[in-house]
Amino acid sequence: MGYFHCHITLVLGFFLISCAPLLSHADVGLKLPLKAVNLGNWLVTEGWMKPSLFDGIPNKDLLDGTQVQFMSTKWQKYVCAENGGGTNVVANRASASGWETFRLWRVNQSYFNLRVFYKQFVGLGGQGAGIVATSTTPGNQETFQIVRNDGDPNRIRLKASNGMFLQANSEMQVTADYGGPSSWADDNPSVFKMTIVSGGTLHGEYQITNGYGPDKARQILQEHWNTYITDEDFKFMSQNGLTAVRIPVGWWIAKDPTPPKPFFCR
């Protein structure tokens, strides 16, 4: 179904909703009770209904909003934002829970912000190389490159904005000042084992537009909109006694023609 038809359908739906207090069902030609169906995953993406939409995203297991945990291979302890945020980052926890879990804010396929339990971001501490979780807004100092091992993508190193890798010097000190050998051995203090938290990954339209980038995402989604529900589907519904449809739409379309990034104008 083309964009024009979709647009008319949505406009009609909004018109009927906005006029509902003023019009009776007889005025608009509605025959009650309605027999309706919900057209989910059409104009609002629901990843569980069509996972293949995400297949082409680089590092598709690290989508925006994914929750991860990092364990130092040298100390065999988990990285932790002390007190859930607001102070230093350490690597001294024997097990992982909330304070040891970081939510990814994806900048692109390799660069991320790491948000901690109380919503601060991991970053460089002032002029030094110490790692803290104190900033409430992410910037350059709160942006890290996740470098993955080719043979084991969950074996990673974190490169800070100063060009150096994070290392667990001790269980109580994590710094961004490692420039030594790029070995992936367990005794390398800059190597961490990353665990993606089960159930901690989101699959929505934000993840598609953020993951592919605006140009590629537009191509992917336009093809999806044009083919997922077509005129033939509406004919089938009508022939089988359905008299109405519910079409979920994203809140961001109300912001057209300048929706918030990474969403784009349709």
Protein backbone atom coordinates (compact mmCIF):
# COMPACT_ATOMS: atom_id res chain seq x y z
CA MET A 1 0.00 0.00 0.00
CA GLY A 2 1.37 3.39 -0.93
CA TYR A 3 2.11 6.25 1.43
CA PHE A 4 -0.85 8.33 0.21
CA HIS A 5 -3.38 5.64 1.08
CA CYS A 6 -1.79 5.15 4.52
CA HIS A 7 -1.87 8.87 5.18
CA ILE A 8 -5.57 9.17 4.25
CA THR A 9 -6.43 6.22 6.49
CA LEU A 10 -4.65 7.78 9.45
CA VAL A 11 -6.14 11.22 8.89
CA LEU A 12 -9.63 9.70 8.74
CA GLY A 13 -8.95 7.81 11.96
CA PHE A 14 -7.79 10.94 13.77
CA PHE A 15 -10.81 12.84 12.43
CA LEU A 16 -13.27 10.28 13.76
CA ILE A 17 -11.54 10.17 17.14
CA SER A 18 -11.43 13.95 17.50
CA CYS A 19 -15.06 14.31 16.46
CA ALA A 20 -16.37 11.41 18.55
CA PRO A 21 -17.91 13.62 21.27
CA LEU A 22 -19.83 15.57 18.60
CA LEU A 23 -21.03 12.81 16.29
CA SER A 24 -23.24 9.81 16.91
CA HIS A 25 -22.45 6.49 15.25
CA ALA A 26 -25.37 7.15 12.89
CA ASP A 27 -23.82 10.46 11.78
CA VAL A 28 -20.65 8.76 10.59
CA GLY A 29 -22.33 5.67 9.20
CA LEU A 30 -20.95 3.24 11.77
CA LYS A 31 -22.73 -0.04 12.30
CA LEU A 32 -22.34 -1.30 15.83
CA PRO A 33 -20.96 -3.50 17.19
CA LEU A 34 -17.72 -3.08 15.28
CA LYS A 35 -15.69 -6.12 14.30
CA ALA A 36 -12.10 -4.96 14.33
CA VAL A 37 -8.51 -6.16 14.16
CA ASN A 38 -5.28 -4.58 15.38
CA LEU A 39 -2.66 -4.00 12.66
CA GLY A 40 0.41 -4.19 14.88
CA ASN A 41 3.97 -4.01 13.55
CA TRP A 42 2.92 -2.01 10.49
CA LEU A 43 3.39 1.71 11.15
CA VAL A 44 5.00 1.05 14.53
CA THR A 45 7.72 -1.60 14.47
CA GLU A 46 7.51 -4.48 16.95
CA GLY A 47 10.66 -6.53 16.56
CA TRP A 48 9.28 -9.77 17.96
CA MET A 49 6.77 -9.87 15.10
CA LYS A 50 9.35 -9.45 12.32
CA PRO A 51 12.91 -9.95 13.64
CA SER A 52 14.34 -9.92 10.10
CA LEU A 53 13.96 -6.11 10.02
CA PHE A 54 17.00 -5.95 12.30
CA ASP A 55 19.20 -8.47 10.48
CA GLY A 56 21.27 -5.92 8.55
CA ILE A 57 22.19 -3.72 11.52
CA PRO A 58 25.92 -3.87 12.34
CA ASN A 59 26.45 -5.15 15.89
CA LYS A 60 22.73 -5.92 16.02
CA ASP A 61 23.11 -7.48 19.47
CA LEU A 62 24.21 -4.06 20.80
CA LEU A 63 21.14 -2.00 19.93
CA ASP A 64 20.28 1.19 21.76
CA GLY A 65 18.94 0.35 25.22
CA THR A 66 20.71 -3.01 25.52
CA GLN A 67 21.86 -3.83 29.06
CA VAL A 68 25.35 -5.26 29.48
CA GLN A 69 27.77 -6.28 32.23
CA PHE A 70 31.58 -6.28 32.10
CA MET A 71 33.88 -8.66 33.97
CA SER A 72 37.61 -8.02 34.22
CA THR A 73 39.39 -11.11 32.89
CA LYS A 74 42.43 -10.35 35.04
CA TRP A 75 40.61 -10.03 38.36
CA GLN A 76 37.56 -12.16 37.48
CA LYS A 77 35.37 -9.46 39.03
CA TYR A 78 32.56 -7.36 37.60
CA VAL A 79 32.84 -3.66 36.83
CA CYS A 80 30.57 -1.65 39.13
CA ALA A 81 29.37 1.94 39.38
CA GLU A 82 29.75 2.43 43.13
CA ASN A 83 26.46 3.34 44.85
CA GLY A 84 24.74 2.90 41.50
CA GLY A 85 26.33 6.12 40.21
CA GLY A 86 27.63 9.48 41.37
CA THR A 87 31.17 8.37 42.19
CA ASN A 88 33.98 6.05 41.02
CA VAL A 89 33.81 2.98 38.83
CA VAL A 90 35.54 -0.11 40.26
CA ALA A 91 36.01 -3.77 39.30
CA ASN A 92 35.52 -5.66 42.55
CA ARG A 93 32.15 -7.41 42.45
CA ALA A 94 31.97 -11.20 42.57
CA SER A 95 28.49 -11.20 41.00
CA ALA A 96 26.48 -8.80 38.88
CA SER A 97 23.21 -7.04 39.68
CA GLY A 98 21.84 -3.52 39.17
CA TRP A 99 24.97 -1.50 40.00
CA GLU A 100 27.02 -3.78 37.74
CA THR A 101 24.66 -3.36 34.77
CA PHE A 102 25.11 -0.65 32.13
CA ARG A 103 22.53 0.47 29.57
CA LEU A 104 23.94 1.27 26.13
CA TRP A 105 23.11 4.55 24.44
CA ARG A 106 24.20 3.76 20.92
CA VAL A 107 25.99 6.57 19.04
CA ASN A 108 26.83 4.36 16.05
CA GLN A 109 27.77 0.73 15.46
CA SER A 110 30.96 0.94 17.54
CA TYR A 111 30.60 3.95 19.88
CA PHE A 112 28.36 4.05 22.94
CA ASN A 113 27.49 5.92 26.11
CA LEU A 114 27.18 3.74 29.23
CA ARG A 115 24.32 4.68 31.57
CA VAL A 116 24.38 3.38 35.13
CA PHE A 117 21.69 2.42 37.64
CA TYR A 118 20.90 5.96 38.83
CA LYS A 119 21.06 7.35 35.29
CA GLN A 120 24.50 8.96 35.29
CA PHE A 121 26.98 8.18 32.52
CA VAL A 122 30.38 6.54 32.76
CA GLY A 123 33.15 8.90 31.70
CA LEU A 124 36.63 10.30 32.25
CA GLY A 125 37.01 12.00 35.61
CA GLY A 126 38.12 15.59 35.16
CA GLN A 127 41.69 16.01 33.92
CA GLY A 128 42.85 12.57 35.02
CA ALA A 129 42.41 9.08 33.61
CA GLY A 130 40.15 7.84 36.39
CA ILE A 131 36.75 6.48 35.37
CA VAL A 132 33.68 7.82 37.16
CA ALA A 133 29.90 7.79 36.72
CA THR A 134 28.90 11.35 37.56
CA SER A 135 27.67 13.15 34.44
CA THR A 136 23.91 13.41 33.89
CA THR A 137 24.33 14.15 30.18
CA PRO A 138 26.63 12.28 27.78
CA GLY A 139 29.33 14.09 25.84
CA ASN A 140 32.68 13.29 24.29
CA GLN A 141 34.22 12.20 27.61
CA GLU A 142 31.30 9.82 28.16
CA THR A 143 31.65 8.13 24.76
CA PHE A 144 33.48 4.81 24.40
CA GLN A 145 34.36 2.55 21.50
CA ILE A 146 33.59 -1.11 22.12
CA VAL A 147 36.31 -3.12 20.36
CA ARG A 148 35.29 -6.76 19.99
CA ASN A 149 37.55 -9.78 19.55
CA ASP A 150 37.08 -11.36 16.12
CA GLY A 151 36.99 -14.89 17.52
CA ASP A 152 34.85 -14.09 20.56
CA PRO A 153 32.69 -10.95 20.17
CA ASN A 154 31.86 -10.94 23.88
CA ARG A 155 35.53 -10.47 24.71
CA ILE A 156 35.95 -6.71 24.46
CA ARG A 157 38.11 -3.67 25.16
CA LEU A 158 36.77 -0.17 25.83
CA LYS A 159 38.53 2.76 24.18
CA ALA A 160 37.98 6.18 25.78
CA SER A 161 37.90 9.60 24.14
CA ASN A 162 41.54 10.21 25.13
CA GLY A 163 42.58 7.41 22.77
CA MET A 164 43.51 5.02 25.57
CA PHE A 165 41.86 1.78 26.66
CA LEU A 166 40.17 1.23 30.00
CA GLN A 167 42.02 -1.08 32.33
CA ALA A 168 41.35 -2.55 35.74
CA ASN A 169 44.63 -1.65 37.48
CA SER A 170 43.26 -3.22 40.62
CA GLU A 171 39.85 -4.21 41.91
CA MET A 172 39.42 -0.67 43.25
CA GLN A 173 40.76 1.33 40.30
CA VAL A 174 39.55 1.49 36.69
CA THR A 175 41.41 3.99 34.50
CA ALA A 176 41.62 5.00 30.84
CA ASP A 177 45.37 4.89 30.36
CA TYR A 178 46.23 1.53 28.84
CA GLY A 179 48.38 1.75 25.73
CA GLY A 180 50.26 -1.50 26.05
CA PRO A 181 50.12 -4.72 24.01
CA SER A 182 46.80 -5.49 22.33
CA SER A 183 46.84 -9.07 23.58
CA TRP A 184 43.48 -10.68 24.36
CA ALA A 185 44.95 -12.86 27.11
CA ASP A 186 43.19 -13.12 30.46
CA ASP A 187 46.04 -11.37 32.27
CA ASN A 188 45.65 -8.23 30.13
CA PRO A 189 44.01 -5.63 32.44
CA SER A 190 42.29 -3.96 29.45
CA VAL A 191 40.31 -7.07 28.46
CA PHE A 192 36.75 -7.57 29.71
CA LYS A 193 34.15 -10.24 29.19
CA MET A 194 30.83 -8.67 28.17
CA THR A 195 27.52 -10.29 29.10
CA ILE A 196 24.34 -9.15 27.39
CA VAL A 197 21.59 -9.28 29.99
CA SER A 198 18.79 -11.67 29.06
CA GLY A 199 15.65 -9.71 28.24
CA GLY A 200 17.65 -6.48 28.30
CA THR A 201 17.44 -5.73 24.57
CA LEU A 202 14.82 -3.50 22.94
CA HIS A 203 13.57 -4.00 19.36
CA GLY A 204 11.53 -1.03 18.22
CA GLU A 205 11.54 1.67 15.58
CA TYR A 206 14.03 3.72 17.59
CA GLN A 207 16.50 0.83 17.43
CA ILE A 208 15.97 0.47 13.66
CA THR A 209 16.47 4.15 12.84
CA ASN A 210 19.37 4.47 15.27
CA GLY A 211 20.97 1.18 14.18
CA TYR A 212 20.80 1.61 10.40
CA GLY A 213 21.12 5.39 10.28
CA PRO A 214 18.46 7.65 8.69
CA ASP A 215 19.13 6.88 5.00
CA LYS A 216 19.26 3.09 5.23
CA ALA A 217 16.46 2.99 7.82
CA ARG A 218 14.19 4.96 5.49
CA GLN A 219 14.71 2.36 2.74
CA ILE A 220 14.11 -0.57 5.10
CA LEU A 221 11.00 0.90 6.69
CA GLN A 222 9.48 2.21 3.45
CA GLU A 223 9.69 -1.29 1.98
CA HIS A 224 8.14 -2.69 5.16
CA TRP A 225 5.26 -0.18 5.16
CA ASN A 226 4.53 -0.82 1.48
CA THR A 227 4.46 -4.62 1.74
CA TYR A 228 3.53 -5.65 5.30
CA ILE A 229 -0.12 -4.59 4.92
CA THR A 230 -1.52 -4.10 1.39
CA ASP A 231 -4.82 -3.40 -0.35
CA GLU A 232 -5.33 -7.15 -0.63
CA ASP A 233 -5.27 -7.45 3.15
CA PHE A 234 -8.01 -4.84 3.49
CA LYS A 235 -10.10 -6.65 0.86
CA PHE A 236 -9.65 -9.91 2.77
CA MET A 237 -10.71 -8.26 6.04
CA SER A 238 -13.80 -6.74 4.43
CA GLN A 239 -14.79 -10.01 2.76
CA ASN A 240 -14.56 -11.78 6.12
CA GLY A 241 -16.84 -9.44 8.03
CA LEU A 242 -14.40 -7.03 9.65
CA THR A 243 -15.70 -3.48 9.79
CA ALA A 244 -12.85 -1.57 11.47
CA VAL A 245 -9.11 -1.65 12.05
CA ARG A 246 -6.92 -0.29 14.82
CA ILE A 247 -3.65 1.12 13.44
CA PRO A 248 -1.05 1.98 16.11
CA VAL A 249 1.12 4.97 15.20
CA GLY A 250 4.20 6.37 16.91
CA TRP A 251 3.95 9.49 19.05
CA TRP A 252 6.83 11.01 17.05
CA ILE A 253 4.73 11.49 13.89
CA ALA A 254 2.97 14.33 15.68
CA LYS A 255 6.33 16.15 15.52
CA ASP A 256 6.54 16.02 11.70
CA PRO A 257 8.19 17.55 9.74
CA THR A 258 10.93 17.71 12.39
CA PRO A 259 10.58 14.64 14.65
CA PRO A 260 13.24 14.05 17.32
CA LYS A 261 16.29 12.11 16.16
CA PRO A 262 16.77 9.38 15.12
CA PHE A 263 13.18 9.35 13.80
CA PHE A 264 12.61 10.93 10.40
CA CYS A 265 9.76 12.67 8.63
CA ARG A 266 7.51 10.35 6.69
